PDB file of N, CA and C in Angstrom:
ATOM      1  N   MET A   1       0.957  -0.948  -0.034  1.00  0.00           N
ATOM      2  CA  MET A   1      -0.126   0.183  -0.252  1.00  0.00           C
ATOM      3  C   MET A   1       0.773   1.797   0.252  1.00  0.00           C
ATOM      4  N   PRO A   2       0.536   2.333  -0.555  1.00  0.00           N
ATOM      5  CA  PRO A   2       1.715   3.247  -1.038  1.00  0.00           C
ATOM      6  C   PRO A   2       1.405   4.202   0.571  1.00  0.00           C
ATOM      7  N   ARG A   3       2.359   4.970   0.490  1.00  0.00           N
ATOM      8  CA  ARG A   3       2.447   5.587   1.606  1.00  0.00           C
ATOM      9  C   ARG A   3       1.325   6.870   1.178  1.00  0.00           C
ATOM     10  N   SER A   4       0.788   7.963   2.492  1.00  0.00           N
ATOM     11  CA  SER A   4       0.357   9.112   2.654  1.00  0.00           C
ATOM     12  C   SER A   4       1.267   9.940   3.161  1.00  0.00           C
ATOM     13  N   ASN A   5       0.854  11.478   2.174  1.00  0.00           N
ATOM     14  CA  ASN A   5       1.874  12.548   2.435  1.00  0.00           C
ATOM     15  C   ASN A   5       1.574  13.473   3.329  1.00  0.00           C
ATOM     16  N   ARG A   6       0.523  13.212   3.638  1.00  0.00           N
ATOM     17  CA  ARG A   6      -0.562  14.215   4.492  1.00  0.00           C
ATOM     18  C   ARG A   6      -0.334  13.683   5.768  1.00  0.00           C
ATOM     19  N   PRO A   7      -0.088  15.677   6.618  1.00  0.00           N
ATOM     20  CA  PRO A   7       0.318  15.018   7.901  1.00  0.00           C
ATOM     21  C   PRO A   7      -0.758  14.508   8.567  1.00  0.00           C
ATOM     22  N   ARG A   8      -0.133  13.626  10.039  1.00  0.00           N
ATOM     23  CA  ARG A   8      -1.167  13.173  11.108  1.00  0.00           C
ATOM     24  C   ARG A   8      -1.552  14.225  12.015  1.00  0.00           C
ATOM     25  N   ARG A   9      -2.951  14.962  12.204  1.00  0.00           N
ATOM     26  CA  ARG A   9      -2.579  15.702  13.332  1.00  0.00           C
ATOM     27  C   ARG A   9      -2.992  14.901  14.773  1.00  0.00           C
ATOM     28  N   ASN A  10      -2.596  14.970  15.796  1.00  0.00           N
ATOM     29  CA  ASN A  10      -2.598  14.105  16.937  1.00  0.00           C
ATOM     30  C   ASN A  10      -4.035  15.614  18.017  1.00  0.00           C
ATOM     31  N   ALA A  11      -4.344  14.764  19.382  1.00  0.00           N
ATOM     32  CA  ALA A  11      -6.095  15.160  19.275  1.00  0.00           C
ATOM     33  C   ALA A  11      -5.504  16.004  19.843  1.00  0.00           C
ATOM     34  N   SER A  12      -4.185  16.595  20.278  1.00  0.00           N
ATOM     35  CA  SER A  12      -4.204  18.530  21.105  1.00  0.00           C
ATOM     36  C   SER A  12      -4.217  19.140  19.827  1.00  0.00           C
ATOM     37  N   ALA A  13      -4.337  19.224  18.694  1.00  0.00           N
ATOM     38  CA  ALA A  13      -3.904  19.545  17.579  1.00  0.00           C
ATOM     39  C   ALA A  13      -5.607  19.775  17.110  1.00  0.00           C
ATOM     40  N   ALA A  14      -6.538  18.316  17.536  1.00  0.00           N
ATOM     41  CA  ALA A  14      -7.655  19.307  16.704  1.00  0.00           C
ATOM     42  C   ALA A  14      -8.353  19.983  18.059  1.00  0.00           C
ATOM     43  N   SER A  15      -8.727  19.942  18.952  1.00  0.00           N
ATOM     44  CA  SER A  15      -9.103  20.914  19.514  1.00  0.00           C
ATOM     45  C   SER A  15      -8.896  21.501  19.863  1.00  0.00           C
ATOM     46  N   SER A  16      -8.016  22.355  18.934  1.00  0.00           N
ATOM     47  CA  SER A  16      -7.117  23.854  19.493  1.00  0.00           C
ATOM     48  C   SER A  16      -8.183  24.009  17.926  1.00  0.00           C
ATOM     49  N   ASN A  17      -8.912  23.533  17.349  1.00  0.00           N
ATOM     50  CA  ASN A  17      -9.608  23.981  16.242  1.00  0.00           C
ATOM     51  C   ASN A  17     -10.146  25.629  16.045  1.00  0.00           C
ATOM     52  N   LYS A  18      -9.722  26.351  15.309  1.00  0.00           N
ATOM     53  CA  LYS A  18     -10.771  27.599  15.701  1.00  0.00           C
ATOM     54  C   LYS A  18     -12.315  27.979  15.621  1.00  0.00           C
ATOM     55  N   TRP A  19     -12.735  26.786  14.405  1.00  0.00           N
ATOM     56  CA  TRP A  19     -14.130  26.806  14.496  1.00  0.00           C
ATOM     57  C   TRP A  19     -14.707  25.868  15.414  1.00  0.00           C
ATOM     58  N   ALA A  20     -13.573  25.181  16.540  1.00  0.00           N
ATOM     59  CA  ALA A  20     -14.704  24.662  17.640  1.00  0.00           C
ATOM     60  C   ALA A  20     -14.504  25.300  18.814  1.00  0.00           C
ATOM     61  N   GLU A  21     -13.733  26.180  18.790  1.00  0.00           N
ATOM     62  CA  GLU A  21     -14.202  27.429  19.733  1.00  0.00           C
ATOM     63  C   GLU A  21     -15.669  27.583  20.012  1.00  0.00           C
ATOM     64  N   ALA A  22     -16.468  28.472  21.097  1.00  0.00           N
ATOM     65  CA  ALA A  22     -16.840  28.808  22.074  1.00  0.00           C
ATOM     66  C   ALA A  22     -17.460  30.351  21.626  1.00  0.00           C
ATOM     67  N   VAL A  23     -18.472  30.656  20.526  1.00  0.00           N
ATOM     68  CA  VAL A  23     -18.444  32.519  20.045  1.00  0.00           C
ATOM     69  C   VAL A  23     -19.291  32.498  21.619  1.00  0.00           C
ATOM     70  N   PRO A  24     -19.037  34.096  21.410  1.00  0.00           N
ATOM     71  CA  PRO A  24     -19.019  35.082  22.714  1.00  0.00           C
ATOM     72  C   PRO A  24     -20.626  35.716  22.915  1.00  0.00           C
ATOM     73  N   GLU A  25     -21.077  35.912  23.508  1.00  0.00           N
ATOM     74  CA  GLU A  25     -22.950  36.109  23.308  1.00  0.00           C
ATOM     75  C   GLU A  25     -22.976  37.273  23.029  1.00  0.00           C
ATOM     76  N   LEU A  26     -23.966  37.895  22.297  1.00  0.00           N
ATOM     77  CA  LEU A  26     -23.868  39.322  21.982  1.00  0.00           C
ATOM     78  C   LEU A  26     -24.322  40.669  22.164  1.00  0.00           C
ATOM     79  N   ASP A  27     -23.969  41.491  22.736  1.00  0.00           N
ATOM     80  CA  ASP A  27     -24.178  42.339  23.845  1.00  0.00           C
ATOM     81  C   ASP A  27     -24.629  43.037  23.398  1.00  0.00           C
ATOM     82  N   LEU A  28     -26.318  42.702  23.300  1.00  0.00           N
ATOM     83  CA  LEU A  28     -27.182  43.949  22.428  1.00  0.00           C
ATOM     84  C   LEU A  28     -27.650  45.194  22.728  1.00  0.00           C
ATOM     85  N   GLU A  29     -27.239  45.844  23.884  1.00  0.00           N
ATOM     86  CA  GLU A  29     -27.363  47.089  24.710  1.00  0.00           C
ATOM     87  C   GLU A  29     -25.798  47.322  23.949  1.00  0.00           C
ATOM     88  N   ARG A  30     -24.556  47.131  24.051  1.00  0.00           N
ATOM     89  CA  ARG A  30     -23.068  47.758  23.675  1.00  0.00           C
ATOM     90  C   ARG A  30     -23.477  48.151  21.993  1.00  0.00           C
ATOM     91  N   SER A  31     -24.387  46.666  21.542  1.00  0.00           N
ATOM     92  CA  SER A  31     -24.185  47.172  19.971  1.00  0.00           C
ATOM     93  C   SER A  31     -25.528  47.988  19.254  1.00  0.00           C
ATOM     94  N   ARG A  32     -26.352  48.519  20.077  1.00  0.00           N
ATOM     95  CA  ARG A  32     -27.467  49.377  19.688  1.00  0.00           C
ATOM     96  C   ARG A  32     -26.868  50.841  20.430  1.00  0.00           C
ATOM     97  N   ALA A  33     -25.856  51.190  21.189  1.00  0.00           N
ATOM     98  CA  ALA A  33     -25.511  52.459  21.406  1.00  0.00           C
ATOM     99  C   ALA A  33     -24.748  53.270  21.105  1.00  0.00           C
ATOM    100  N   GLY A  34     -23.605  52.566  19.982  1.00  0.00           N
ATOM    101  CA  GLY A  34     -23.747  53.448  18.924  1.00  0.00           C
ATOM    102  C   GLY A  34     -24.037  54.134  17.264  1.00  0.00           C
ATOM    103  N   ILE A  35     -24.608  53.531  17.478  1.00  0.00           N
ATOM    104  CA  ILE A  35     -25.839  54.079  16.299  1.00  0.00           C
ATOM    105  C   ILE A  35     -26.506  55.170  16.540  1.00  0.00           C
ATOM    106  N   ALA A  36     -25.984  55.841  15.804  1.00  0.00           N
ATOM    107  CA  ALA A  36     -27.090  57.589  15.891  1.00  0.00           C
ATOM    108  C   ALA A  36     -28.230  56.928  15.290  1.00  0.00           C
ATOM    109  N   ARG A  37     -29.008  57.499  15.424  1.00  0.00           N
ATOM    110  CA  ARG A  37     -30.922  57.804  14.730  1.00  0.00           C
ATOM    111  C   ARG A  37     -30.933  58.762  14.228  1.00  0.00           C
ATOM    112  N   ARG A  38     -32.191  59.585  12.857  1.00  0.00           N
ATOM    113  CA  ARG A  38     -31.791  61.151  12.556  1.00  0.00           C
ATOM    114  C   ARG A  38     -33.057  60.781  13.190  1.00  0.00           C
ATOM    115  N   GLU A  39     -33.538  62.634  13.924  1.00  0.00           N
ATOM    116  CA  GLU A  39     -35.024  62.414  14.236  1.00  0.00           C
ATOM    117  C   GLU A  39     -35.120  64.058  13.502  1.00  0.00           C
ATOM    118  N   SER A  40     -36.243  64.629  13.064  1.00  0.00           N
ATOM    119  CA  SER A  40     -37.190  65.658  12.911  1.00  0.00           C
ATOM    120  C   SER A  40     -37.657  66.412  13.159  1.00  0.00           C
ATOM    121  N   ALA A  41     -37.206  67.688  14.097  1.00  0.00           N
ATOM    122  CA  ALA A  41     -38.205  69.074  14.585  1.00  0.00           C
ATOM    123  C   ALA A  41     -39.055  70.054  13.955  1.00  0.00           C
ATOM    124  N   PRO A  42     -39.607  71.094  14.679  1.00  0.00           N
ATOM    125  CA  PRO A  42     -39.395  72.350  14.433  1.00  0.00           C
ATOM    126  C   PRO A  42     -38.995  72.851  13.924  1.00  0.00           C
ATOM    127  N   ASP A  43     -37.603  72.512  15.272  1.00  0.00           N
ATOM    128  CA  ASP A  43     -35.925  73.240  14.801  1.00  0.00           C
ATOM    129  C   ASP A  43     -35.078  73.128  14.329  1.00  0.00           C
ATOM    130  N   GLY A  44     -35.008  71.855  13.581  1.00  0.00           N
ATOM    131  CA  GLY A  44     -34.424  70.996  12.784  1.00  0.00           C
ATOM    132  C   GLY A  44     -33.692  69.813  12.444  1.00  0.00           C
ATOM    133  N   ASP A  45     -32.939  69.083  11.833  1.00  0.00           N
ATOM    134  CA  ASP A  45     -33.010  67.858  11.789  1.00  0.00           C
ATOM    135  C   ASP A  45     -31.697  67.558  12.882  1.00  0.00           C
ATOM    136  N   TRP A  46     -31.861  66.793  13.492  1.00  0.00           N
ATOM    137  CA  TRP A  46     -31.257  65.981  15.119  1.00  0.00           C
ATOM    138  C   TRP A  46     -30.352  64.924  14.389  1.00  0.00           C
ATOM    139  N   MET A  47     -29.504  64.042  15.413  1.00  0.00           N
ATOM    140  CA  MET A  47     -28.774  63.261  15.489  1.00  0.00           C
ATOM    141  C   MET A  47     -28.592  62.746  16.683  1.00  0.00           C
ATOM    142  N   VAL A  48     -29.185  61.873  17.237  1.00  0.00           N
ATOM    143  CA  VAL A  48     -29.469  61.159  18.607  1.00  0.00           C
ATOM    144  C   VAL A  48     -28.588  59.915  18.842  1.00  0.00           C
ATOM    145  N   ARG A  49     -27.632  60.100  19.650  1.00  0.00           N
ATOM    146  CA  ARG A  49     -26.817  58.606  19.832  1.00  0.00           C
ATOM    147  C   ARG A  49     -27.060  58.397  21.215  1.00  0.00           C
ATOM    148  N   THR A  50     -27.811  56.922  21.932  1.00  0.00           N
ATOM    149  CA  THR A  50     -27.601  56.994  23.195  1.00  0.00           C
ATOM    150  C   THR A  50     -26.004  56.537  23.696  1.00  0.00           C
ATOM    151  N   MET A  51     -26.067  57.178  24.772  1.00  0.00           N
ATOM    152  CA  MET A  51     -24.898  56.966  25.381  1.00  0.00           C
ATOM    153  C   MET A  51     -25.369  56.133  26.688  1.00  0.00           C
ATOM    154  N   THR A  52     -25.220  54.384  26.860  1.00  0.00           N
ATOM    155  CA  THR A  52     -25.369  53.511  28.218  1.00  0.00           C
ATOM    156  C   THR A  52     -24.855  53.664  28.713  1.00  0.00           C
ATOM    157  N   ALA A  53     -24.886  53.605  30.579  1.00  0.00           N
ATOM    158  CA  ALA A  53     -24.829  53.988  31.568  1.00  0.00           C
ATOM    159  C   ALA A  53     -23.279  53.164  31.629  1.00  0.00           C
ATOM    160  N   ARG A  54     -23.069  52.214  30.903  1.00  0.00           N
ATOM    161  CA  ARG A  54     -21.472  51.616  31.172  1.00  0.00           C
ATOM    162  C   ARG A  54     -20.846  52.565  30.634  1.00  0.00           C
ATOM    163  N   LYS A  55     -21.260  53.526  29.318  1.00  0.00           N
ATOM    164  CA  LYS A  55     -20.218  54.167  28.459  1.00  0.00           C
ATOM    165  C   LYS A  55     -20.355  55.594  29.181  1.00  0.00           C
ATOM    166  N   ALA A  56     -20.963  56.053  29.714  1.00  0.00           N
ATOM    167  CA  ALA A  56     -21.092  57.032  30.299  1.00  0.00           C
ATOM    168  C   ALA A  56     -19.868  57.569  32.258  1.00  0.00           C
ATOM    169  N   GLU A  57     -18.844  58.141  30.857  1.00  0.00           N
ATOM    170  CA  GLU A  57     -17.877  58.306  32.199  1.00  0.00           C
ATOM    171  C   GLU A  57     -17.093  59.290  32.680  1.00  0.00           C
ATOM    172  N   LYS A  58     -17.976  59.963  31.767  1.00  0.00           N
ATOM    173  CA  LYS A  58     -17.424  62.029  32.421  1.00  0.00           C
ATOM    174  C   LYS A  58     -19.227  62.810  32.582  1.00  0.00           C
ATOM    175  N   GLN A  59     -18.685  63.620  34.287  1.00  0.00           N
ATOM    176  CA  GLN A  59     -19.751  64.167  33.502  1.00  0.00           C
ATOM    177  C   GLN A  59     -20.059  65.866  32.809  1.00  0.00           C
ATOM    178  N   TYR A  60     -21.570  65.813  32.282  1.00  0.00           N
ATOM    179  CA  TYR A  60     -22.200  66.820  31.778  1.00  0.00           C
ATOM    180  C   TYR A  60     -23.293  67.636  32.493  1.00  0.00           C
ATOM    181  N   ILE A  61     -23.601  68.752  31.542  1.00  0.00           N
ATOM    182  CA  ILE A  61     -24.409  69.324  31.708  1.00  0.00           C
ATOM    183  C   ILE A  61     -25.534  69.868  30.752  1.00  0.00           C
ATOM    184  N   CYS A  62     -26.712  69.543  31.454  1.00  0.00           N
ATOM    185  CA  CYS A  62     -27.941  69.158  30.313  1.00  0.00           C
ATOM    186  C   CYS A  62     -28.529  70.622  30.127  1.00  0.00           C
ATOM    187  N   PRO A  63     -28.362  70.529  28.208  1.00  0.00           N
ATOM    188  CA  PRO A  63     -29.323  71.978  28.425  1.00  0.00           C
ATOM    189  C   PRO A  63     -30.402  72.031  28.809  1.00  0.00           C
ATOM    190  N   GLY A  64     -31.301  71.058  28.674  1.00  0.00           N
ATOM    191  CA  GLY A  64     -33.255  71.133  29.113  1.00  0.00           C
ATOM    192  C   GLY A  64     -33.214  71.599  30.267  1.00  0.00           C
ATOM    193  N   CYS A  65     -32.390  70.960  31.304  1.00  0.00           N
ATOM    194  CA  CYS A  65     -32.313  71.545  33.132  1.00  0.00           C
ATOM    195  C   CYS A  65     -31.627  72.201  33.517  1.00  0.00           C
ATOM    196  N   SER A  66     -30.471  71.947  33.277  1.00  0.00           N
ATOM    197  CA  SER A  66     -29.231  72.808  33.409  1.00  0.00           C
ATOM    198  C   SER A  66     -28.589  72.273  34.647  1.00  0.00           C
ATOM    199  N   THR A  67     -28.712  70.867  34.890  1.00  0.00           N
ATOM    200  CA  THR A  67     -28.110  70.272  35.522  1.00  0.00           C
ATOM    201  C   THR A  67     -27.189  69.067  35.546  1.00  0.00           C
ATOM    202  N   ALA A  68     -26.507  68.663  36.511  1.00  0.00           N
ATOM    203  CA  ALA A  68     -25.473  67.521  35.627  1.00  0.00           C
ATOM    204  C   ALA A  68     -25.954  66.681  35.612  1.00  0.00           C
ATOM    205  N   ILE A  69     -25.408  66.183  34.195  1.00  0.00           N
ATOM    206  CA  ILE A  69     -25.572  64.329  33.963  1.00  0.00           C
ATOM    207  C   ILE A  69     -24.162  63.922  34.636  1.00  0.00           C
ATOM    208  N   MET A  70     -24.725  62.582  35.719  1.00  0.00           N
ATOM    209  CA  MET A  70     -23.691  62.238  36.640  1.00  0.00           C
ATOM    210  C   MET A  70     -22.919  61.289  35.213  1.00  0.00           C
ATOM    211  N   PRO A  71     -21.733  61.035  36.087  1.00  0.00           N
ATOM    212  CA  PRO A  71     -21.384  59.560  35.326  1.00  0.00           C
ATOM    213  C   PRO A  71     -21.899  57.975  35.975  1.00  0.00           C
ATOM    214  N   GLY A  72     -22.384  57.043  34.863  1.00  0.00           N
ATOM    215  CA  GLY A  72     -22.922  56.418  35.030  1.00  0.00           C
ATOM    216  C   GLY A  72     -24.481  56.611  35.181  1.00  0.00           C
ATOM    217  N   ILE A  73     -24.958  57.285  34.215  1.00  0.00           N
ATOM    218  CA  ILE A  73     -26.170  57.911  33.695  1.00  0.00           C
ATOM    219  C   ILE A  73     -26.419  57.588  32.215  1.00  0.00           C
ATOM    220  N   ALA A  74     -27.256  57.437  32.004  1.00  0.00           N
ATOM    221  CA  ALA A  74     -27.950  56.552  31.073  1.00  0.00           C
ATOM    222  C   ALA A  74     -28.404  57.983  30.418  1.00  0.00           C
ATOM    223  N   HIS A  75     -27.843  58.338  29.585  1.00  0.00           N
ATOM    224  CA  HIS A  75     -28.386  59.676  28.567  1.00  0.00           C
ATOM    225  C   HIS A  75     -28.232  59.402  27.203  1.00  0.00           C
ATOM    226  N   LEU A  76     -28.570  60.407  26.168  1.00  0.00           N
ATOM    227  CA  LEU A  76     -28.304  60.751  24.887  1.00  0.00           C
ATOM    228  C   LEU A  76     -27.935  62.056  24.765  1.00  0.00           C
ATOM    229  N   VAL A  77     -27.169  61.593  23.222  1.00  0.00           N
ATOM    230  CA  VAL A  77     -25.867  62.830  22.908  1.00  0.00           C
ATOM    231  C   VAL A  77     -26.713  63.047  21.961  1.00  0.00           C
ATOM    232  N   VAL A  78     -26.659  64.408  21.702  1.00  0.00           N
ATOM    233  CA  VAL A  78     -27.354  64.846  20.071  1.00  0.00           C
ATOM    234  C   VAL A  78     -27.238  66.070  19.594  1.00  0.00           C
ATOM    235  N   TRP A  79     -26.433  65.862  18.461  1.00  0.00           N
ATOM    236  CA  TRP A  79     -25.730  67.130  17.961  1.00  0.00           C
ATOM    237  C   TRP A  79     -26.800  67.354  16.544  1.00  0.00           C
ATOM    238  N   SER A  80     -26.751  68.889  15.604  1.00  0.00           N
ATOM    239  CA  SER A  80     -27.415  69.227  14.429  1.00  0.00           C
ATOM    240  C   SER A  80     -27.152  68.559  13.195  1.00  0.00           C
ATOM    241  N   ASP A  81     -28.018  68.394  13.090  1.00  0.00           N
ATOM    242  CA  ASP A  81     -27.728  67.425  11.199  1.00  0.00           C
ATOM    243  C   ASP A  81     -28.196  68.282  10.197  1.00  0.00           C
ATOM    244  N   SER A  82     -28.397  69.454  10.082  1.00  0.00           N
ATOM    245  CA  SER A  82     -28.821  70.736   9.166  1.00  0.00           C
ATOM    246  C   SER A  82     -28.080  71.933   9.411  1.00  0.00           C
ATOM    247  N   HIS A  83     -26.863  72.433  10.134  1.00  0.00           N
ATOM    248  CA  HIS A  83     -26.213  72.899  10.614  1.00  0.00           C
ATOM    249  C   HIS A  83     -25.657  73.720   9.444  1.00  0.00           C
ATOM    250  N   LEU A  84     -25.601  75.063  10.107  1.00  0.00           N
ATOM    251  CA  LEU A  84     -25.359  76.313   8.827  1.00  0.00           C
ATOM    252  C   LEU A  84     -24.124  76.387   8.226  1.00  0.00           C
ATOM    253  N   PHE A  85     -23.152  75.274   9.105  1.00  0.00           N
ATOM    254  CA  PHE A  85     -21.731  75.466   8.482  1.00  0.00           C
ATOM    255  C   PHE A  85     -21.290  74.752   8.607  1.00  0.00           C
ATOM    256  N   GLY A  86     -22.716  73.444   8.419  1.00  0.00           N
ATOM    257  CA  GLY A  86     -22.387  71.925   8.249  1.00  0.00           C
ATOM    258  C   GLY A  86     -22.385  70.397   8.847  1.00  0.00           C
ATOM    259  N   GLU A  87     -21.916  69.491   8.721  1.00  0.00           N
ATOM    260  CA  GLU A  87     -21.979  68.836   9.729  1.00  0.00           C
ATOM    261  C   GLU A  87     -20.915  68.410  10.185  1.00  0.00           C
ATOM    262  N   ALA A  88     -19.314  68.641   9.925  1.00  0.00           N
ATOM    263  CA  ALA A  88     -18.702  69.359  10.484  1.00  0.00           C
ATOM    264  C   ALA A  88     -19.078  69.956  12.197  1.00  0.00           C
ATOM    265  N   ALA A  89     -19.485  70.669  11.932  1.00  0.00           N
ATOM    266  CA  ALA A  89     -19.200  71.749  13.048  1.00  0.00           C
ATOM    267  C   ALA A  89     -20.994  71.458  13.970  1.00  0.00           C
ATOM    268  N   GLY A  90     -21.591  71.064  13.544  1.00  0.00           N
ATOM    269  CA  GLY A  90     -22.479  70.246  13.862  1.00  0.00           C
ATOM    270  C   GLY A  90     -22.046  69.333  14.941  1.00  0.00           C
ATOM    271  N   LEU A  91     -21.285  68.079  14.128  1.00  0.00           N
ATOM    272  CA  LEU A  91     -20.576  67.267  15.112  1.00  0.00           C
ATOM    273  C   LEU A  91     -20.143  68.653  16.376  1.00  0.00           C
ATOM    274  N   ALA A  92     -19.115  69.081  16.456  1.00  0.00           N
ATOM    275  CA  ALA A  92     -18.300  70.255  16.986  1.00  0.00           C
ATOM    276  C   ALA A  92     -19.159  70.633  18.252  1.00  0.00           C
ATOM    277  N   GLU A  93     -20.578  70.753  18.105  1.00  0.00           N
ATOM    278  CA  GLU A  93     -21.663  71.315  19.183  1.00  0.00           C
ATOM    279  C   GLU A  93     -22.143  70.475  19.666  1.00  0.00           C
ATOM    280  N   ARG A  94     -22.238  69.100  19.235  1.00  0.00           N
ATOM    281  CA  ARG A  94     -22.827  67.411  19.822  1.00  0.00           C
ATOM    282  C   ARG A  94     -23.284  68.843  21.585  1.00  0.00           C
ATOM    283  N   ARG A  95     -24.440  68.267  22.255  1.00  0.00           N
ATOM    284  CA  ARG A  95     -24.252  68.249  23.435  1.00  0.00           C
ATOM    285  C   ARG A  95     -25.018  66.332  23.976  1.00  0.00           C
ATOM    286  N   HIS A  96     -25.110  66.922  25.254  1.00  0.00           N
ATOM    287  CA  HIS A  96     -25.430  65.316  26.255  1.00  0.00           C
ATOM    288  C   HIS A  96     -26.678  66.506  26.935  1.00  0.00           C
ATOM    289  N   TRP A  97     -27.902  65.264  26.438  1.00  0.00           N
ATOM    290  CA  TRP A  97     -29.031  65.408  27.427  1.00  0.00           C
ATOM    291  C   TRP A  97     -29.605  64.418  28.182  1.00  0.00           C
ATOM    292  N   HIS A  98     -30.114  64.630  29.679  1.00  0.00           N
ATOM    293  CA  HIS A  98     -30.931  63.785  30.301  1.00  0.00           C
ATOM    294  C   HIS A  98     -32.552  63.551  28.754  1.00  0.00           C
ATOM    295  N   THR A  99     -32.794  61.766  28.400  1.00  0.00           N
ATOM    296  CA  THR A  99     -33.675  61.118  27.782  1.00  0.00           C
ATOM    297  C   THR A  99     -35.082  61.915  28.235  1.00  0.00           C
ATOM    298  N   ASN A 100     -35.523  62.047  29.036  1.00  0.00           N
ATOM    299  CA  ASN A 100     -36.255  62.830  29.377  1.00  0.00           C
ATOM    300  C   ASN A 100     -36.792  63.828  29.086  1.00  0.00           C
ATOM    301  N   CYS A 101     -35.411  64.617  29.421  1.00  0.00           N
ATOM    302  CA  CYS A 101     -35.343  66.527  28.751  1.00  0.00           C
ATOM    303  C   CYS A 101     -35.783  66.442  27.412  1.00  0.00           C
ATOM    304  N   TRP A 102     -34.284  65.253  26.739  1.00  0.00           N
ATOM    305  CA  TRP A 102     -34.972  65.410  25.705  1.00  0.00           C
ATOM    306  C   TRP A 102     -36.367  65.490  24.280  1.00  0.00           C
ATOM    307  N   THR A 103     -37.117  64.214  24.916  1.00  0.00           N
ATOM    308  CA  THR A 103     -38.106  63.670  24.524  1.00  0.00           C
ATOM    309  C   THR A 103     -38.797  64.915  24.941  1.00  0.00           C
ATOM    310  N   SER A 104     -39.341  65.808  26.373  1.00  0.00           N
ATOM    311  CA  SER A 104     -40.186  66.809  26.731  1.00  0.00           C
ATOM    312  C   SER A 104     -39.871  67.638  25.970  1.00  0.00           C
ATOM    313  N   ARG A 105     -38.908  68.220  25.504  1.00  0.00           N
ATOM    314  CA  ARG A 105     -38.708  69.281  23.900  1.00  0.00           C
ATOM    315  C   ARG A 105     -40.081  69.527  24.107  1.00  0.00           C
ATOM    316  N   THR A 106     -40.342  68.390  23.009  1.00  0.00           N
ATOM    317  CA  THR A 106     -40.721  68.631  21.214  1.00  0.00           C
ATOM    318  C   THR A 106     -42.862  69.244  22.067  1.00  0.00           C
ATOM    319  N   TYR A 107     -42.405  68.647  23.401  1.00  0.00           N
ATOM    320  CA  TYR A 107     -43.639  70.359  24.355  1.00  0.00           C
ATOM    321  C   TYR A 107     -44.016  71.179  23.576  1.00  0.00           C
ATOM    322  N   ARG A 108     -42.915  72.364  23.700  1.00  0.00           N
ATOM    323  CA  ARG A 108     -43.190  73.102  23.390  1.00  0.00           C
ATOM    324  C   ARG A 108     -43.468  73.715  22.228  1.00  0.00           C
ATOM    325  N   TYR A 109     -43.934  73.114  21.511  1.00  0.00           N
ATOM    326  CA  TYR A 109     -43.982  73.475  20.256  1.00  0.00           C
ATOM    327  C   TYR A 109     -44.707  73.359  19.756  1.00  0.00           C
ATOM    328  N   ARG A 110     -46.655  72.543  20.688  1.00  0.00           N
ATOM    329  CA  ARG A 110     -47.664  72.122  20.481  1.00  0.00           C
ATOM    330  C   ARG A 110     -48.449  73.865  20.827  1.00  0.00           C
TER     331      ARG A 110
END
């Protein structure tokens, strides 16, 4: 019988197969956090991104209520999508809002 030139795998090499490793569970909160959504209001178009409590590391002042957003508090990052000087200027002037302050600000227009 002719000899096979293929290398033989031992048991330890078979267990280190990259396809046999366990896949980590998907963290839905983390995957949704970085996606900005577009919102339209009477005062313009806005890009809104959710900042999770885990990612909130600094203290900010909410422009809606003028109180502090403490580290570890989930909130929204908002910037103008229809800024007079372009998208880069709108992104540079982004603000951090409490979620309730941002959603209740639209009641002023009714």
